[in-house]
Amino acid sequence: GVVTEMTPNEDIAICVAAYVEDVRL
């Protein structure tokens, strides 16, 4: 779920998806 407020010790990740040379990474 999208996190709108960060507090230390939470299980937070930053995720990215993008295409480079038509390859989804």
PDB file of all heavy atoms in Angstrom:
ATOM      1  N   GLY A   1       0.837  -1.189   0.000  1.00  0.00           N
ATOM      2  CA  GLY A   1       0.000   0.000   0.000  1.00  0.00           C
ATOM      3  C   GLY A   1       0.873   1.240   0.000  1.00  0.00           C
ATOM      4  O   GLY A   1       1.945   1.268   0.597  1.00  0.00           O
ATOM      5  N   VAL A   2       0.413   2.276  -0.669  1.00  0.00           N
ATOM      6  CA  VAL A   2       1.162   3.528  -0.733  1.00  0.00           C
ATOM      7  C   VAL A   2       1.265   4.131   0.657  1.00  0.00           C
ATOM      8  O   VAL A   2       0.277   4.191   1.401  1.00  0.00           O
ATOM      9  CB  VAL A   2       0.494   4.515  -1.705  1.00  0.00           C
ATOM     10  CG1 VAL A   2       1.158   5.883  -1.647  1.00  0.00           C
ATOM     11  CG2 VAL A   2       0.528   3.958  -3.121  1.00  0.00           C
ATOM     12  N   VAL A   3       2.469   4.552   1.018  1.00  0.00           N
ATOM     13  CA  VAL A   3       2.717   5.179   2.318  1.00  0.00           C
ATOM     14  C   VAL A   3       2.781   6.685   2.108  1.00  0.00           C
ATOM     15  O   VAL A   3       3.523   7.165   1.246  1.00  0.00           O
ATOM     16  CB  VAL A   3       4.048   4.671   2.929  1.00  0.00           C
ATOM     17  CG1 VAL A   3       4.403   5.436   4.178  1.00  0.00           C
ATOM     18  CG2 VAL A   3       3.963   3.181   3.209  1.00  0.00           C
ATOM     19  N   THR A   4       1.994   7.415   2.873  1.00  0.00           N
ATOM     20  CA  THR A   4       1.984   8.863   2.720  1.00  0.00           C
ATOM     21  C   THR A   4       2.783   9.571   3.819  1.00  0.00           C
ATOM     22  O   THR A   4       3.204  10.696   3.628  1.00  0.00           O
ATOM     23  CB  THR A   4       0.540   9.406   2.707  1.00  0.00           C
ATOM     24  OG1 THR A   4      -0.117   8.989   3.901  1.00  0.00           O
ATOM     25  CG2 THR A   4      -0.203   8.893   1.492  1.00  0.00           C
ATOM     26  N   GLU A   5       2.957   8.902   4.954  1.00  0.00           N
ATOM     27  CA  GLU A   5       3.748   9.474   6.048  1.00  0.00           C
ATOM     28  C   GLU A   5       4.737   8.426   6.528  1.00  0.00           C
ATOM     29  O   GLU A   5       4.362   7.301   6.841  1.00  0.00           O
ATOM     30  CB  GLU A   5       2.848   9.906   7.199  1.00  0.00           C
ATOM     31  CG  GLU A   5       1.941  11.062   6.843  1.00  0.00           C
ATOM     32  CD  GLU A   5       1.141  11.536   8.042  1.00  0.00           C
ATOM     33  OE1 GLU A   5       1.625  11.412   9.186  1.00  0.00           O
ATOM     34  OE2 GLU A   5       0.025  12.009   7.817  1.00  0.00           O
ATOM     35  N   MET A   6       6.010   8.822   6.570  1.00  0.00           N
ATOM     36  CA  MET A   6       7.053   7.897   6.987  1.00  0.00           C
ATOM     37  C   MET A   6       7.424   8.122   8.440  1.00  0.00           C
ATOM     38  O   MET A   6       7.541   9.251   8.881  1.00  0.00           O
ATOM     39  CB  MET A   6       8.313   8.105   6.144  1.00  0.00           C
ATOM     40  CG  MET A   6       8.326   7.392   4.831  1.00  0.00           C
ATOM     41  SD  MET A   6       7.007   7.786   3.695  1.00  0.00           S
ATOM     42  CE  MET A   6       7.307   9.478   3.354  1.00  0.00           C
ATOM     43  N   THR A   7       7.570   7.026   9.162  1.00  0.00           N
ATOM     44  CA  THR A   7       8.096   7.088  10.517  1.00  0.00           C
ATOM     45  C   THR A   7       9.171   6.018  10.642  1.00  0.00           C
ATOM     46  O   THR A   7       9.060   4.951  10.022  1.00  0.00           O
ATOM     47  CB  THR A   7       6.994   6.842  11.579  1.00  0.00           C
ATOM     48  OG1 THR A   7       6.405   5.579  11.338  1.00  0.00           O
ATOM     49  CG2 THR A   7       5.940   7.922  11.541  1.00  0.00           C
ATOM     50  N   PRO A   8      10.221   6.297  11.406  1.00  0.00           N
ATOM     51  CA  PRO A   8      11.291   5.305  11.552  1.00  0.00           C
ATOM     52  C   PRO A   8      10.752   3.969  12.052  1.00  0.00           C
ATOM     53  O   PRO A   8       9.745   3.911  12.745  1.00  0.00           O
ATOM     54  CB  PRO A   8      12.216   5.947  12.588  1.00  0.00           C
ATOM     55  CG  PRO A   8      11.951   7.410  12.470  1.00  0.00           C
ATOM     56  CD  PRO A   8      10.478   7.522  12.133  1.00  0.00           C
ATOM     57  N   ASN A   9      11.433   2.923  11.671  1.00  0.00           N
ATOM     58  CA  ASN A   9      11.130   1.549  12.065  1.00  0.00           C
ATOM     59  C   ASN A   9       9.898   0.961  11.386  1.00  0.00           C
ATOM     60  O   ASN A   9       9.448  -0.109  11.751  1.00  0.00           O
ATOM     61  CB  ASN A   9      11.003   1.426  13.588  1.00  0.00           C
ATOM     62  CG  ASN A   9      12.272   1.870  14.281  1.00  0.00           C
ATOM     63  OD1 ASN A   9      13.369   1.557  13.828  1.00  0.00           O
ATOM     64  ND2 ASN A   9      12.126   2.623  15.342  1.00  0.00           N
ATOM     65  N   GLU A  10       9.340   1.648  10.407  1.00  0.00           N
ATOM     66  CA  GLU A  10       8.258   1.061   9.623  1.00  0.00           C
ATOM     67  C   GLU A  10       8.882   0.204   8.532  1.00  0.00           C
ATOM     68  O   GLU A  10      10.017   0.408   8.131  1.00  0.00           O
ATOM     69  CB  GLU A  10       7.399   2.142   8.974  1.00  0.00           C
ATOM     70  CG  GLU A  10       6.408   2.770   9.928  1.00  0.00           C
ATOM     71  CD  GLU A  10       5.400   3.607   9.193  1.00  0.00           C
ATOM     72  OE1 GLU A  10       4.374   3.047   8.770  1.00  0.00           O
ATOM     73  OE2 GLU A  10       5.648   4.798   9.033  1.00  0.00           O
ATOM     74  N   ASP A  11       8.116  -0.744   8.027  1.00  0.00           N
ATOM     75  CA  ASP A  11       8.563  -1.576   6.915  1.00  0.00           C
ATOM     76  C   ASP A  11       8.244  -0.859   5.605  1.00  0.00           C
ATOM     77  O   ASP A  11       7.221  -1.127   4.972  1.00  0.00           O
ATOM     78  CB  ASP A  11       7.885  -2.946   6.959  1.00  0.00           C
ATOM     79  CG  ASP A  11       8.449  -3.843   8.030  1.00  0.00           C
ATOM     80  OD1 ASP A  11       9.621  -3.653   8.393  1.00  0.00           O
ATOM     81  OD2 ASP A  11       7.727  -4.736   8.494  1.00  0.00           O
ATOM     82  N   ILE A  12       9.114   0.057   5.227  1.00  0.00           N
ATOM     83  CA  ILE A  12       8.884   0.877   4.043  1.00  0.00           C
ATOM     84  C   ILE A  12       9.877   0.497   2.957  1.00  0.00           C
ATOM     85  O   ILE A  12      11.059   0.287   3.212  1.00  0.00           O
ATOM     86  CB  ILE A  12       9.027   2.373   4.391  1.00  0.00           C
ATOM     87  CG1 ILE A  12       7.922   2.778   5.360  1.00  0.00           C
ATOM     88  CG2 ILE A  12       8.982   3.224   3.132  1.00  0.00           C
ATOM     89  CD1 ILE A  12       8.058   4.179   5.887  1.00  0.00           C
ATOM     90  N   ALA A  13       9.367   0.430   1.740  1.00  0.00           N
ATOM     91  CA  ALA A  13      10.211   0.173   0.577  1.00  0.00           C
ATOM     92  C   ALA A  13       9.926   1.233  -0.480  1.00  0.00           C
ATOM     93  O   ALA A  13       8.838   1.804  -0.531  1.00  0.00           O
ATOM     94  CB  ALA A  13       9.939  -1.205   0.008  1.00  0.00           C
ATOM     95  N   ILE A  14      10.922   1.481  -1.297  1.00  0.00           N
ATOM     96  CA  ILE A  14      10.755   2.340  -2.466  1.00  0.00           C
ATOM     97  C   ILE A  14      10.838   1.410  -3.669  1.00  0.00           C
ATOM     98  O   ILE A  14      11.774   0.622  -3.791  1.00  0.00           O
ATOM     99  CB  ILE A  14      11.841   3.415  -2.537  1.00  0.00           C
ATOM    100  CG1 ILE A  14      11.899   4.182  -1.229  1.00  0.00           C
ATOM    101  CG2 ILE A  14      11.584   4.360  -3.710  1.00  0.00           C
ATOM    102  CD1 ILE A  14      13.236   4.797  -0.959  1.00  0.00           C
ATOM    103  N   CYS A  15       9.837   1.489  -4.524  1.00  0.00           N
ATOM    104  CA  CYS A  15       9.759   0.584  -5.674  1.00  0.00           C
ATOM    105  C   CYS A  15       9.755   1.387  -6.965  1.00  0.00           C
ATOM    106  O   CYS A  15       9.173   2.476  -7.030  1.00  0.00           O
ATOM    107  CB  CYS A  15       8.475  -0.232  -5.610  1.00  0.00           C
ATOM    108  SG  CYS A  15       8.330  -1.241  -4.121  1.00  0.00           S
ATOM    109  N   VAL A  16      10.381   0.812  -7.975  1.00  0.00           N
ATOM    110  CA  VAL A  16      10.403   1.444  -9.292  1.00  0.00           C
ATOM    111  C   VAL A  16      10.177   0.382 -10.362  1.00  0.00           C
ATOM    112  O   VAL A  16      10.604  -0.770 -10.211  1.00  0.00           O
ATOM    113  CB  VAL A  16      11.740   2.193  -9.548  1.00  0.00           C
ATOM    114  CG1 VAL A  16      12.921   1.244  -9.614  1.00  0.00           C
ATOM    115  CG2 VAL A  16      11.672   3.062 -10.791  1.00  0.00           C
ATOM    116  N   ALA A  17       9.468   0.775 -11.394  1.00  0.00           N
ATOM    117  CA  ALA A  17       9.326  -0.033 -12.601  1.00  0.00           C
ATOM    118  C   ALA A  17       9.470   0.916 -13.776  1.00  0.00           C
ATOM    119  O   ALA A  17       8.899   2.015 -13.781  1.00  0.00           O
ATOM    120  CB  ALA A  17       7.979  -0.736 -12.651  1.00  0.00           C
ATOM    121  N   ALA A  18      10.268   0.505 -14.748  1.00  0.00           N
ATOM    122  CA  ALA A  18      10.503   1.347 -15.919  1.00  0.00           C
ATOM    123  C   ALA A  18      10.980   0.483 -17.064  1.00  0.00           C
ATOM    124  O   ALA A  18      11.431  -0.652 -16.870  1.00  0.00           O
ATOM    125  CB  ALA A  18      11.534   2.424 -15.599  1.00  0.00           C
ATOM    126  N   TYR A  19      10.879   1.040 -18.243  1.00  0.00           N
ATOM    127  CA  TYR A  19      11.359   0.359 -19.439  1.00  0.00           C
ATOM    128  C   TYR A  19      12.636   1.017 -19.923  1.00  0.00           C
ATOM    129  O   TYR A  19      12.725   2.242 -20.005  1.00  0.00           O
ATOM    130  CB  TYR A  19      10.316   0.441 -20.559  1.00  0.00           C
ATOM    131  CG  TYR A  19       9.094  -0.398 -20.295  1.00  0.00           C
ATOM    132  CD1 TYR A  19       8.029   0.106 -19.553  1.00  0.00           C
ATOM    133  CD2 TYR A  19       9.009  -1.695 -20.789  1.00  0.00           C
ATOM    134  CE1 TYR A  19       6.908  -0.662 -19.301  1.00  0.00           C
ATOM    135  CE2 TYR A  19       7.892  -2.478 -20.537  1.00  0.00           C
ATOM    136  CZ  TYR A  19       6.846  -1.949 -19.802  1.00  0.00           C
ATOM    137  OH  TYR A  19       5.748  -2.718 -19.550  1.00  0.00           O
ATOM    138  N   VAL A  20      13.621   0.187 -20.213  1.00  0.00           N
ATOM    139  CA  VAL A  20      14.852   0.607 -20.872  1.00  0.00           C
ATOM    140  C   VAL A  20      15.007  -0.341 -22.051  1.00  0.00           C
ATOM    141  O   VAL A  20      14.974  -1.566 -21.875  1.00  0.00           O
ATOM    142  CB  VAL A  20      16.070   0.516 -19.929  1.00  0.00           C
ATOM    143  CG1 VAL A  20      17.353   0.833 -20.666  1.00  0.00           C
ATOM    144  CG2 VAL A  20      15.891   1.431 -18.722  1.00  0.00           C
ATOM    145  N   GLU A  21      15.135   0.231 -23.250  1.00  0.00           N
ATOM    146  CA  GLU A  21      15.234  -0.587 -24.464  1.00  0.00           C
ATOM    147  C   GLU A  21      14.094  -1.608 -24.546  1.00  0.00           C
ATOM    148  O   GLU A  21      14.301  -2.765 -24.882  1.00  0.00           O
ATOM    149  CB  GLU A  21      16.593  -1.285 -24.534  1.00  0.00           C
ATOM    150  CG  GLU A  21      17.755  -0.336 -24.635  1.00  0.00           C
ATOM    151  CD  GLU A  21      19.111  -1.023 -24.706  1.00  0.00           C
ATOM    152  OE1 GLU A  21      19.211  -2.227 -24.379  1.00  0.00           O
ATOM    153  OE2 GLU A  21      20.078  -0.337 -25.093  1.00  0.00           O
ATOM    154  N   ASP A  22      12.896  -1.191 -24.205  1.00  0.00           N
ATOM    155  CA  ASP A  22      11.701  -2.039 -24.247  1.00  0.00           C
ATOM    156  C   ASP A  22      11.761  -3.251 -23.320  1.00  0.00           C
ATOM    157  O   ASP A  22      10.992  -4.202 -23.476  1.00  0.00           O
ATOM    158  CB  ASP A  22      11.386  -2.489 -25.677  1.00  0.00           C
ATOM    159  CG  ASP A  22      10.956  -1.327 -26.546  1.00  0.00           C
ATOM    160  OD1 ASP A  22      10.260  -0.424 -26.029  1.00  0.00           O
ATOM    161  OD2 ASP A  22      11.321  -1.307 -27.736  1.00  0.00           O
ATOM    162  N   VAL A  23      12.658  -3.215 -22.354  1.00  0.00           N
ATOM    163  CA  VAL A  23      12.736  -4.260 -21.338  1.00  0.00           C
ATOM    164  C   VAL A  23      12.191  -3.669 -20.047  1.00  0.00           C
ATOM    165  O   VAL A  23      12.671  -2.623 -19.584  1.00  0.00           O
ATOM    166  CB  VAL A  23      14.194  -4.746 -21.129  1.00  0.00           C
ATOM    167  CG1 VAL A  23      14.252  -5.789 -20.021  1.00  0.00           C
ATOM    168  CG2 VAL A  23      14.765  -5.297 -22.435  1.00  0.00           C
ATOM    169  N   ARG A  24      11.175  -4.311 -19.470  1.00  0.00           N
ATOM    170  CA  ARG A  24      10.598  -3.816 -18.216  1.00  0.00           C
ATOM    171  C   ARG A  24      11.491  -4.266 -17.065  1.00  0.00           C
ATOM    172  O   ARG A  24      11.736  -5.453 -16.861  1.00  0.00           O
ATOM    173  CB  ARG A  24       9.189  -4.351 -17.998  1.00  0.00           C
ATOM    174  CG  ARG A  24       8.520  -3.750 -16.767  1.00  0.00           C
ATOM    175  CD  ARG A  24       7.064  -4.186 -16.697  1.00  0.00           C
ATOM    176  NE  ARG A  24       6.350  -3.511 -15.640  1.00  0.00           N
ATOM    177  CZ  ARG A  24       6.139  -4.040 -14.433  1.00  0.00           C
ATOM    178  NH1 ARG A  24       6.598  -5.244 -14.140  1.00  0.00           N
ATOM    179  NH2 ARG A  24       5.475  -3.357 -13.517  1.00  0.00           N
ATOM    180  N   LEU A  25      11.969  -3.274 -16.319  1.00  0.00           N
ATOM    181  CA  LEU A  25      12.849  -3.533 -15.177  1.00  0.00           C
ATOM    182  C   LEU A  25      12.148  -3.091 -13.901  1.00  0.00           C
ATOM    183  O   LEU A  25      11.451  -2.072 -13.882  1.00  0.00           O
ATOM    184  CB  LEU A  25      14.151  -2.740 -15.348  1.00  0.00           C
ATOM    185  CG  LEU A  25      14.930  -3.029 -16.633  1.00  0.00           C
ATOM    186  CD1 LEU A  25      16.084  -2.041 -16.770  1.00  0.00           C
ATOM    187  CD2 LEU A  25      15.434  -4.459 -16.650  1.00  0.00           C
TER     188      LEU A  25
END
